């Protein structure tokens, strides 16, 4: 079932990675969650070597490969969100995902560098006792994003009750934009 009612767009990617299978799994999961793009920075990603990306995400959604963190770009208005286990980061359950976002994860045998973290609009941590692999971390973040922007309605209050009915979507009226002065 395709979730075409999720607001906004997002991309997800990795800076360097140590395990191609996990990067492939991350990109396959991103494709499944409806990512608008995936990316790598200073990474040599090959679908055949990864073997776990059975959806071949880089052939089905835009894929960007950046040679360096300095070359990395996000679309205008897109917020960069670093996923890193640091004390200063916002706990994921308290974070409200921007409508337009790109999520960046570091390698499994390392962390995002300070220059990369400083480019992030927000740094978010998954509240675990220790780091999980890049594919698992990405899946948790994407699932949380779908919960925030997916318009699923409220959960059941107890395990013995049914969830409340989803409210019907109401379309707004026409948008009137001011005319631009002709030059």
N, C-alpha and C. Protein backbone atom coordinates (compact mmCIF):
# COMPACT_ATOMS: atom_id res chain seq x y z
N UNK A 1 0.85 -1.17 0.00
CA UNK A 1 0.00 0.00 0.00
C UNK A 1 0.89 1.24 0.00
N UNK A 2 0.80 2.04 -1.00
CA UNK A 2 1.62 3.24 -1.11
C UNK A 2 1.01 4.36 -0.26
N UNK A 3 1.85 5.02 0.53
CA UNK A 3 1.40 6.10 1.40
C UNK A 3 1.58 7.43 0.68
N UNK A 4 0.66 7.78 -0.22
CA UNK A 4 0.83 9.00 -0.99
C UNK A 4 0.32 10.23 -0.25
N UNK A 5 -0.13 10.05 0.99
CA UNK A 5 -0.65 11.18 1.73
C UNK A 5 0.34 11.71 2.76
N UNK A 6 1.56 11.24 2.75
CA UNK A 6 2.58 11.75 3.66
C UNK A 6 3.00 13.12 3.17
N UNK A 7 3.05 14.08 4.09
CA UNK A 7 3.38 15.46 3.73
C UNK A 7 4.87 15.61 3.43
N UNK A 8 5.19 16.51 2.51
CA UNK A 8 6.56 16.89 2.24
C UNK A 8 7.37 15.85 1.49
N UNK A 9 8.69 15.98 1.62
CA UNK A 9 9.60 15.03 0.99
C UNK A 9 10.81 14.85 1.88
N UNK A 10 11.52 13.75 1.65
CA UNK A 10 12.76 13.54 2.39
C UNK A 10 13.72 12.71 1.56
N UNK A 11 14.97 12.86 1.92
CA UNK A 11 16.03 12.03 1.38
C UNK A 11 16.85 11.51 2.54
N UNK A 12 17.60 10.46 2.29
CA UNK A 12 18.44 9.90 3.35
C UNK A 12 19.72 9.38 2.72
N UNK A 13 20.81 9.51 3.46
CA UNK A 13 22.08 9.06 2.93
C UNK A 13 23.12 8.84 4.00
N UNK A 14 24.28 8.42 3.53
CA UNK A 14 25.37 8.09 4.44
C UNK A 14 26.65 8.80 4.02
N UNK A 15 27.42 9.18 5.03
CA UNK A 15 28.78 9.67 4.84
C UNK A 15 29.68 8.49 5.14
N UNK A 16 30.44 8.09 4.13
CA UNK A 16 31.26 6.89 4.27
C UNK A 16 30.41 5.77 4.87
N UNK A 17 30.70 4.58 4.59
CA UNK A 17 30.05 3.48 5.30
C UNK A 17 31.02 2.33 5.33
N UNK A 18 30.86 1.50 6.31
CA UNK A 18 31.80 0.41 6.48
C UNK A 18 31.25 -0.92 5.99
N UNK A 19 29.94 -1.03 5.85
CA UNK A 19 29.34 -2.30 5.46
C UNK A 19 28.36 -2.10 4.31
N UNK A 20 28.75 -2.47 3.09
CA UNK A 20 27.88 -2.27 1.93
C UNK A 20 26.50 -2.91 2.07
N UNK A 21 26.42 -4.07 2.73
CA UNK A 21 25.12 -4.73 2.90
C UNK A 21 24.15 -3.83 3.68
N UNK A 22 24.66 -3.15 4.71
CA UNK A 22 23.79 -2.28 5.50
C UNK A 22 23.40 -1.02 4.73
N UNK A 23 24.31 -0.49 3.93
CA UNK A 23 23.97 0.66 3.10
C UNK A 23 22.90 0.26 2.08
N UNK A 24 23.03 -0.91 1.49
CA UNK A 24 22.02 -1.40 0.55
C UNK A 24 20.67 -1.57 1.22
N UNK A 25 20.68 -2.09 2.43
CA UNK A 25 19.44 -2.26 3.18
C UNK A 25 18.82 -0.91 3.50
N UNK A 26 19.65 0.08 3.85
CA UNK A 26 19.15 1.43 4.11
C UNK A 26 18.45 2.00 2.88
N UNK A 27 19.07 1.86 1.71
CA UNK A 27 18.49 2.41 0.48
C UNK A 27 17.22 1.66 0.07
N UNK A 28 17.19 0.37 0.28
CA UNK A 28 15.98 -0.40 -0.01
C UNK A 28 14.84 0.06 0.90
N UNK A 29 15.14 0.24 2.19
CA UNK A 29 14.14 0.71 3.14
C UNK A 29 13.69 2.12 2.80
N UNK A 30 14.61 2.98 2.39
CA UNK A 30 14.25 4.34 1.98
C UNK A 30 13.28 4.30 0.80
N UNK A 31 13.56 3.44 -0.15
CA UNK A 31 12.67 3.28 -1.31
C UNK A 31 11.28 2.84 -0.83
N UNK A 32 11.23 1.88 0.09
CA UNK A 32 9.95 1.38 0.61
C UNK A 32 9.17 2.47 1.36
N UNK A 33 9.86 3.34 2.09
CA UNK A 33 9.21 4.40 2.84
C UNK A 33 8.91 5.62 1.98
N UNK A 34 9.23 5.59 0.70
CA UNK A 34 8.88 6.69 -0.19
C UNK A 34 9.86 7.83 -0.21
N UNK A 35 11.13 7.57 0.05
CA UNK A 35 12.13 8.63 -0.02
C UNK A 35 12.13 9.25 -1.40
N UNK A 36 12.36 10.55 -1.44
CA UNK A 36 12.43 11.26 -2.71
C UNK A 36 13.80 11.15 -3.35
N UNK A 37 14.83 10.88 -2.53
CA UNK A 37 16.18 10.69 -3.04
C UNK A 37 17.04 10.02 -1.98
N UNK A 38 18.13 9.43 -2.42
CA UNK A 38 19.14 8.86 -1.53
C UNK A 38 20.49 9.41 -1.96
N UNK A 39 21.46 9.38 -1.05
CA UNK A 39 22.77 9.93 -1.39
C UNK A 39 23.88 9.26 -0.59
N UNK A 40 25.08 9.39 -1.12
CA UNK A 40 26.29 8.98 -0.42
C UNK A 40 27.28 10.13 -0.48
N UNK A 41 28.12 10.21 0.54
CA UNK A 41 29.20 11.18 0.57
C UNK A 41 30.48 10.40 0.87
N UNK A 42 31.47 10.55 0.02
CA UNK A 42 32.75 9.85 0.15
C UNK A 42 32.53 8.34 0.36
N UNK A 43 31.71 7.76 -0.48
CA UNK A 43 31.40 6.34 -0.35
C UNK A 43 31.39 5.71 -1.73
N UNK A 44 31.77 4.48 -1.78
CA UNK A 44 31.78 3.73 -3.04
C UNK A 44 30.65 2.71 -2.98
N UNK A 45 29.45 3.12 -3.39
CA UNK A 45 28.28 2.24 -3.31
C UNK A 45 28.06 1.54 -4.64
N UNK A 46 27.88 0.24 -4.57
CA UNK A 46 27.63 -0.59 -5.74
C UNK A 46 26.51 -1.56 -5.37
N UNK A 47 25.38 -1.50 -6.08
CA UNK A 47 24.22 -2.33 -5.77
C UNK A 47 24.60 -3.81 -5.77
N UNK A 48 25.41 -4.22 -6.74
CA UNK A 48 25.79 -5.64 -6.81
C UNK A 48 26.61 -6.07 -5.59
N UNK A 49 27.50 -5.19 -5.15
CA UNK A 49 28.31 -5.53 -3.97
C UNK A 49 27.47 -5.51 -2.70
N UNK A 50 26.51 -4.59 -2.62
CA UNK A 50 25.66 -4.49 -1.43
C UNK A 50 24.74 -5.70 -1.31
N UNK A 51 24.25 -6.19 -2.41
CA UNK A 51 23.38 -7.37 -2.50
C UNK A 51 22.06 -7.28 -1.73
N UNK A 52 21.94 -6.39 -0.77
CA UNK A 52 20.72 -6.34 0.04
C UNK A 52 19.66 -5.39 -0.52
N UNK A 53 20.03 -4.55 -1.47
CA UNK A 53 19.06 -3.61 -2.05
C UNK A 53 18.35 -4.30 -3.22
N UNK A 54 17.41 -5.17 -2.89
CA UNK A 54 16.71 -5.93 -3.92
C UNK A 54 15.74 -5.07 -4.73
N UNK A 55 15.42 -3.87 -4.23
CA UNK A 55 14.54 -2.97 -4.99
C UNK A 55 15.35 -2.11 -5.95
N UNK A 56 16.67 -2.17 -5.86
CA UNK A 56 17.60 -1.38 -6.67
C UNK A 56 17.21 0.11 -6.60
N UNK A 57 17.17 0.61 -5.39
CA UNK A 57 16.72 1.99 -5.14
C UNK A 57 17.40 3.03 -6.02
N UNK A 58 18.74 3.00 -6.21
CA UNK A 58 19.36 4.05 -7.02
C UNK A 58 18.91 4.06 -8.49
N UNK A 59 18.25 3.03 -8.95
CA UNK A 59 17.71 3.05 -10.32
C UNK A 59 16.25 3.49 -10.34
N UNK A 60 15.62 3.58 -9.17
CA UNK A 60 14.20 3.89 -9.10
C UNK A 60 13.87 5.22 -8.46
N UNK A 61 14.79 5.78 -7.72
CA UNK A 61 14.64 7.11 -7.15
C UNK A 61 15.97 7.84 -7.36
N UNK A 62 15.95 9.15 -7.39
CA UNK A 62 17.21 9.87 -7.61
C UNK A 62 18.27 9.51 -6.57
N UNK A 63 19.48 9.29 -7.06
CA UNK A 63 20.61 8.95 -6.22
C UNK A 63 21.73 9.94 -6.53
N UNK A 64 22.28 10.54 -5.47
CA UNK A 64 23.35 11.52 -5.61
C UNK A 64 24.58 10.99 -4.89
N UNK A 65 25.71 11.08 -5.55
CA UNK A 65 26.98 10.62 -5.01
C UNK A 65 27.91 11.82 -4.94
N UNK A 66 28.30 12.21 -3.75
CA UNK A 66 29.16 13.38 -3.56
C UNK A 66 30.57 12.92 -3.20
N UNK A 67 31.55 13.56 -3.80
CA UNK A 67 32.95 13.21 -3.57
C UNK A 67 33.44 13.63 -2.18
N UNK A 68 32.84 14.70 -1.62
CA UNK A 68 33.31 15.22 -0.35
C UNK A 68 32.15 15.87 0.39
N UNK A 69 32.29 16.06 1.70
CA UNK A 69 31.25 16.78 2.44
C UNK A 69 31.07 18.21 1.93
N UNK A 70 32.13 18.83 1.45
CA UNK A 70 32.04 20.20 0.92
C UNK A 70 31.19 20.25 -0.35
N UNK A 71 31.21 19.20 -1.13
CA UNK A 71 30.43 19.16 -2.37
C UNK A 71 28.95 18.83 -2.13
N UNK A 72 28.64 18.30 -0.96
CA UNK A 72 27.28 17.89 -0.63
C UNK A 72 26.33 19.08 -0.61
N UNK A 73 25.17 18.91 -1.24
CA UNK A 73 24.14 19.96 -1.30
C UNK A 73 22.78 19.35 -1.01
N UNK A 74 21.92 20.16 -0.44
CA UNK A 74 20.52 19.77 -0.30
C UNK A 74 19.68 20.73 -1.13
N UNK A 75 18.47 20.32 -1.49
CA UNK A 75 17.59 21.24 -2.22
C UNK A 75 17.29 22.48 -1.37
N UNK A 76 16.99 23.58 -2.03
CA UNK A 76 16.66 24.82 -1.34
C UNK A 76 15.46 24.57 -0.42
N UNK A 77 15.58 25.02 0.82
CA UNK A 77 14.50 24.85 1.79
C UNK A 77 14.50 23.51 2.50
N UNK A 78 15.40 22.63 2.13
CA UNK A 78 15.48 21.30 2.74
C UNK A 78 16.37 21.40 3.98
N UNK A 79 15.90 20.88 5.09
CA UNK A 79 16.66 20.90 6.34
C UNK A 79 17.52 19.65 6.44
N UNK A 80 18.78 19.82 6.84
CA UNK A 80 19.69 18.70 7.02
C UNK A 80 19.62 18.24 8.47
N UNK A 81 19.35 16.95 8.65
CA UNK A 81 19.21 16.37 9.97
C UNK A 81 20.28 15.30 10.15
N UNK A 82 21.18 15.51 11.10
CA UNK A 82 22.20 14.52 11.41
C UNK A 82 21.64 13.51 12.40
N UNK A 83 21.95 12.25 12.18
CA UNK A 83 21.54 11.20 13.11
C UNK A 83 22.82 10.73 13.79
N UNK A 84 22.93 11.04 15.06
CA UNK A 84 24.17 10.73 15.78
C UNK A 84 23.88 10.57 17.27
N UNK A 85 24.56 9.65 17.89
CA UNK A 85 24.38 9.37 19.31
C UNK A 85 25.31 10.27 20.12
N UNK A 86 24.82 11.50 20.37
CA UNK A 86 25.59 12.47 21.17
C UNK A 86 24.70 12.96 22.30
N UNK A 87 25.31 13.45 23.35
CA UNK A 87 24.55 13.97 24.49
C UNK A 87 23.76 15.21 24.13
N UNK A 88 24.25 16.02 23.20
CA UNK A 88 23.60 17.27 22.84
C UNK A 88 22.44 17.09 21.87
N UNK A 89 22.32 15.94 21.25
CA UNK A 89 21.29 15.71 20.23
C UNK A 89 19.89 15.65 20.85
N UNK A 90 18.90 15.93 20.02
CA UNK A 90 17.49 15.84 20.41
C UNK A 90 17.07 14.38 20.35
N UNK A 91 16.41 13.90 21.39
CA UNK A 91 15.90 12.52 21.35
C UNK A 91 14.82 12.41 20.29
N UNK A 92 14.89 11.38 19.48
CA UNK A 92 13.97 11.20 18.36
C UNK A 92 12.50 11.31 18.76
N UNK A 93 12.05 10.72 19.89
CA UNK A 93 10.62 10.85 20.23
C UNK A 93 10.17 12.29 20.51
N UNK A 94 11.10 13.21 20.74
CA UNK A 94 10.77 14.61 21.00
C UNK A 94 10.95 15.48 19.77
N UNK A 95 11.41 14.92 18.68
CA UNK A 95 11.75 15.69 17.48
C UNK A 95 10.58 15.74 16.52
N UNK A 96 10.28 16.95 16.02
CA UNK A 96 9.26 17.09 14.97
C UNK A 96 9.97 17.25 13.63
N UNK A 97 9.82 16.28 12.76
CA UNK A 97 10.51 16.26 11.48
C UNK A 97 10.05 17.41 10.60
N UNK A 98 11.00 18.15 10.01
CA UNK A 98 10.62 19.20 9.05
C UNK A 98 9.89 18.57 7.85
N UNK A 99 9.06 19.35 7.21
CA UNK A 99 8.33 18.85 6.04
C UNK A 99 9.31 18.44 4.93
N UNK A 100 10.37 19.20 4.75
CA UNK A 100 11.39 18.91 3.74
C UNK A 100 12.71 18.66 4.46
N UNK A 101 13.19 17.42 4.38
CA UNK A 101 14.38 17.07 5.17
C UNK A 101 15.27 16.08 4.43
N UNK A 102 16.56 16.18 4.75
CA UNK A 102 17.54 15.18 4.32
C UNK A 102 18.22 14.69 5.59
N UNK A 103 18.25 13.38 5.76
CA UNK A 103 18.84 12.76 6.95
C UNK A 103 20.19 12.18 6.57
N UNK A 104 21.19 12.44 7.40
CA UNK A 104 22.52 11.92 7.13
C UNK A 104 22.99 11.09 8.31
N UNK A 105 23.49 9.90 7.98
CA UNK A 105 24.02 9.00 8.98
C UNK A 105 25.50 8.78 8.72
N UNK A 106 26.24 8.51 9.78
CA UNK A 106 27.67 8.26 9.65
C UNK A 106 27.97 6.79 9.49
N UNK A 107 29.25 6.46 9.38
CA UNK A 107 29.64 5.07 9.23
C UNK A 107 29.44 4.30 10.55
N UNK A 108 29.30 3.01 10.43
CA UNK A 108 29.08 2.20 11.63
C UNK A 108 30.31 2.11 12.52
N UNK A 109 31.45 2.33 11.96
CA UNK A 109 32.68 2.30 12.74
C UNK A 109 33.23 3.71 12.91
N UNK A 110 32.34 4.64 13.19
CA UNK A 110 32.75 6.03 13.35
C UNK A 110 31.55 6.91 13.59
N UNK A 111 31.75 8.19 13.49
CA UNK A 111 30.71 9.18 13.73
C UNK A 111 30.76 10.24 12.64
N UNK A 112 29.70 11.03 12.56
CA UNK A 112 29.73 12.18 11.67
C UNK A 112 30.78 13.15 12.20
N UNK A 113 31.50 13.79 11.30
CA UNK A 113 32.55 14.71 11.71
C UNK A 113 31.93 16.01 12.23
N UNK A 114 32.71 16.75 12.97
CA UNK A 114 32.25 18.04 13.49
C UNK A 114 31.86 19.00 12.35
N UNK A 115 32.65 19.09 11.25
CA UNK A 115 32.21 19.95 10.14
C UNK A 115 30.86 19.52 9.55
N UNK A 116 30.60 18.22 9.44
CA UNK A 116 29.30 17.77 8.94
C UNK A 116 28.21 18.09 9.95
N UNK A 117 28.46 17.84 11.22
CA UNK A 117 27.45 18.13 12.25
C UNK A 117 27.13 19.62 12.29
N UNK A 118 28.12 20.45 12.06
CA UNK A 118 27.88 21.91 12.11
C UNK A 118 27.01 22.37 10.94
N UNK A 119 26.96 21.61 9.86
CA UNK A 119 26.09 21.95 8.72
C UNK A 119 24.64 21.54 8.97
N UNK A 120 24.42 20.69 9.96
CA UNK A 120 23.08 20.18 10.22
C UNK A 120 22.21 21.23 10.90
N UNK A 121 20.95 21.29 10.48
CA UNK A 121 19.98 22.17 11.14
C UNK A 121 19.60 21.60 12.50
N UNK A 122 19.59 20.27 12.60
CA UNK A 122 19.28 19.57 13.85
C UNK A 122 20.13 18.31 13.89
N UNK A 123 20.46 17.88 15.10
CA UNK A 123 21.10 16.58 15.30
C UNK A 123 20.18 15.80 16.22
N UNK A 124 19.83 14.60 15.78
CA UNK A 124 18.86 13.77 16.48
C UNK A 124 19.52 12.47 16.88
N UNK A 125 19.14 11.97 18.04
CA UNK A 125 19.66 10.69 18.50
C UNK A 125 18.51 9.74 18.73
N UNK A 126 18.77 8.50 18.43
CA UNK A 126 17.82 7.43 18.75
C UNK A 126 18.17 7.00 20.16
N UNK A 127 17.24 7.07 21.10
CA UNK A 127 17.58 6.80 22.50
C UNK A 127 17.82 5.30 22.78
N UNK A 128 19.00 4.85 22.39
CA UNK A 128 19.41 3.47 22.64
C UNK A 128 20.64 3.49 23.54
N UNK A 129 20.95 2.35 24.13
CA UNK A 129 22.12 2.26 25.02
C UNK A 129 23.43 2.33 24.25
N UNK A 130 23.40 1.91 22.97
CA UNK A 130 24.58 1.96 22.12
C UNK A 130 24.11 2.08 20.68
N UNK A 131 25.03 2.35 19.79
CA UNK A 131 24.68 2.56 18.39
C UNK A 131 24.13 1.29 17.74
N UNK A 132 23.14 1.47 16.90
CA UNK A 132 22.63 0.37 16.07
C UNK A 132 23.20 0.56 14.67
N UNK A 133 23.09 -0.46 13.82
CA UNK A 133 23.70 -0.32 12.49
C UNK A 133 22.95 0.73 11.66
N UNK A 134 23.60 1.18 10.61
CA UNK A 134 23.10 2.29 9.80
C UNK A 134 21.74 1.98 9.18
N UNK A 135 21.50 0.75 8.78
CA UNK A 135 20.22 0.38 8.18
C UNK A 135 19.10 0.43 9.23
N UNK A 136 19.37 -0.07 10.41
CA UNK A 136 18.38 -0.06 11.48
C UNK A 136 18.09 1.37 11.93
N UNK A 137 19.13 2.17 12.11
CA UNK A 137 18.95 3.57 12.51
C UNK A 137 18.11 4.32 11.48
N UNK A 138 18.44 4.14 10.21
CA UNK A 138 17.68 4.81 9.16
C UNK A 138 16.23 4.39 9.14
N UNK A 139 15.97 3.09 9.32
CA UNK A 139 14.59 2.58 9.33
C UNK A 139 13.80 3.17 10.49
N UNK A 140 14.42 3.27 11.65
CA UNK A 140 13.73 3.85 12.81
C UNK A 140 13.37 5.31 12.54
N UNK A 141 14.31 6.06 11.99
CA UNK A 141 14.08 7.48 11.70
C UNK A 141 12.98 7.64 10.65
N UNK A 142 13.02 6.84 9.59
CA UNK A 142 12.00 6.96 8.54
C UNK A 142 10.63 6.56 9.05
N UNK A 143 10.56 5.54 9.89
CA UNK A 143 9.27 5.13 10.46
C UNK A 143 8.72 6.26 11.34
N UNK A 144 9.58 6.87 12.15
CA UNK A 144 9.15 7.97 13.00
C UNK A 144 8.65 9.14 12.14
N UNK A 145 9.32 9.41 11.03
CA UNK A 145 8.88 10.48 10.13
C UNK A 145 7.49 10.18 9.59
N UNK A 146 7.24 8.95 9.19
CA UNK A 146 5.92 8.57 8.68
C UNK A 146 4.86 8.76 9.77
N UNK A 147 5.19 8.43 11.01
CA UNK A 147 4.23 8.64 12.09
C UNK A 147 3.89 10.12 12.26
N UNK A 148 4.90 10.98 12.15
CA UNK A 148 4.70 12.41 12.33
C UNK A 148 3.92 13.03 11.17
N UNK A 149 4.27 12.67 9.93
CA UNK A 149 3.68 13.33 8.76
C UNK A 149 2.66 12.48 8.00
N UNK A 150 2.40 11.29 8.47
CA UNK A 150 1.56 10.37 7.70
C UNK A 150 0.07 10.52 7.84
N UNK A 151 -0.40 11.39 8.72
CA UNK A 151 -1.83 11.62 8.89
C UNK A 151 -2.58 10.33 9.18
N UNK A 152 -2.04 9.54 10.11
CA UNK A 152 -2.67 8.27 10.48
C UNK A 152 -3.74 8.43 11.54
N UNK A 153 -3.82 9.58 12.18
CA UNK A 153 -4.79 9.77 13.26
C UNK A 153 -4.21 9.27 14.58
N UNK A 154 -5.05 9.29 15.59
CA UNK A 154 -4.62 8.90 16.94
C UNK A 154 -4.54 7.39 17.10
N UNK A 155 -3.69 6.96 18.01
CA UNK A 155 -3.62 5.54 18.37
C UNK A 155 -4.72 5.22 19.36
N UNK A 156 -4.99 3.93 19.51
CA UNK A 156 -5.92 3.49 20.55
C UNK A 156 -5.32 3.87 21.91
N UNK A 157 -6.16 4.20 22.87
CA UNK A 157 -5.67 4.60 24.18
C UNK A 157 -5.20 3.41 25.01
N UNK A 158 -5.78 2.26 24.80
CA UNK A 158 -5.36 1.04 25.51
C UNK A 158 -5.32 -0.10 24.51
N UNK A 159 -4.74 -1.21 24.92
CA UNK A 159 -4.71 -2.35 24.00
C UNK A 159 -6.07 -3.03 23.89
N UNK A 160 -7.04 -2.65 24.73
CA UNK A 160 -8.37 -3.25 24.68
C UNK A 160 -9.36 -2.39 23.90
N UNK A 161 -8.94 -1.23 23.43
CA UNK A 161 -9.86 -0.35 22.70
C UNK A 161 -9.45 -0.24 21.24
N UNK A 162 -10.43 0.08 20.43
CA UNK A 162 -10.17 0.30 19.00
C UNK A 162 -9.62 1.71 18.82
N UNK A 163 -8.79 1.92 17.80
CA UNK A 163 -8.31 3.28 17.56
C UNK A 163 -9.46 4.18 17.14
N UNK A 164 -9.37 5.47 17.48
CA UNK A 164 -10.41 6.41 17.04
C UNK A 164 -10.48 6.44 15.51
N UNK A 165 -11.64 6.76 14.99
CA UNK A 165 -11.81 6.88 13.55
C UNK A 165 -10.92 8.00 13.03
N UNK A 166 -10.36 7.79 11.86
CA UNK A 166 -9.54 8.82 11.22
C UNK A 166 -10.47 9.91 10.72
N UNK A 167 -10.08 11.16 10.99
CA UNK A 167 -10.89 12.28 10.53
C UNK A 167 -10.80 12.39 9.02
N UNK A 168 -11.93 12.75 8.40
CA UNK A 168 -11.96 12.93 6.95
C UNK A 168 -11.15 14.16 6.58
N UNK A 169 -10.42 14.07 5.50
CA UNK A 169 -9.63 15.21 5.03
C UNK A 169 -10.55 16.28 4.48
N UNK A 170 -10.28 17.51 4.85
CA UNK A 170 -11.07 18.64 4.37
C UNK A 170 -10.17 19.50 3.49
N UNK A 171 -10.60 19.71 2.26
CA UNK A 171 -9.83 20.55 1.35
C UNK A 171 -10.14 22.01 1.63
N UNK A 172 -9.12 22.83 1.59
CA UNK A 172 -9.31 24.26 1.79
C UNK A 172 -9.81 24.92 0.52
N UNK A 173 -10.11 26.18 0.64
CA UNK A 173 -10.58 26.94 -0.51
C UNK A 173 -9.44 27.30 -1.44
N UNK A 174 -9.73 27.97 -2.52
CA UNK A 174 -8.69 28.36 -3.47
C UNK A 174 -7.70 29.33 -2.82
N UNK A 175 -6.46 29.24 -3.24
CA UNK A 175 -5.42 30.13 -2.74
C UNK A 175 -5.29 31.30 -3.70
N UNK A 176 -5.39 32.50 -3.18
CA UNK A 176 -5.25 33.71 -3.99
C UNK A 176 -3.85 34.27 -3.76
N UNK A 177 -3.03 34.26 -4.76
CA UNK A 177 -1.69 34.81 -4.65
C UNK A 177 -1.68 36.22 -5.23
N UNK A 178 -0.96 37.14 -4.59
CA UNK A 178 -0.90 38.50 -5.13
C UNK A 178 -0.19 38.50 -6.47
N UNK A 179 -0.63 39.36 -7.36
CA UNK A 179 0.00 39.46 -8.67
C UNK A 179 1.34 40.16 -8.53
N UNK A 180 2.29 39.70 -9.30
CA UNK A 180 3.59 40.35 -9.34
C UNK A 180 3.53 41.54 -10.27
N UNK A 181 4.25 42.56 -9.88
CA UNK A 181 4.33 43.75 -10.74
C UNK A 181 5.10 43.39 -11.99
N UNK A 182 4.57 43.72 -13.15
CA UNK A 182 5.27 43.43 -14.39
C UNK A 182 6.38 44.45 -14.61
N UNK A 183 7.52 43.95 -15.06
CA UNK A 183 8.65 44.87 -15.26
C UNK A 183 8.92 45.12 -16.71
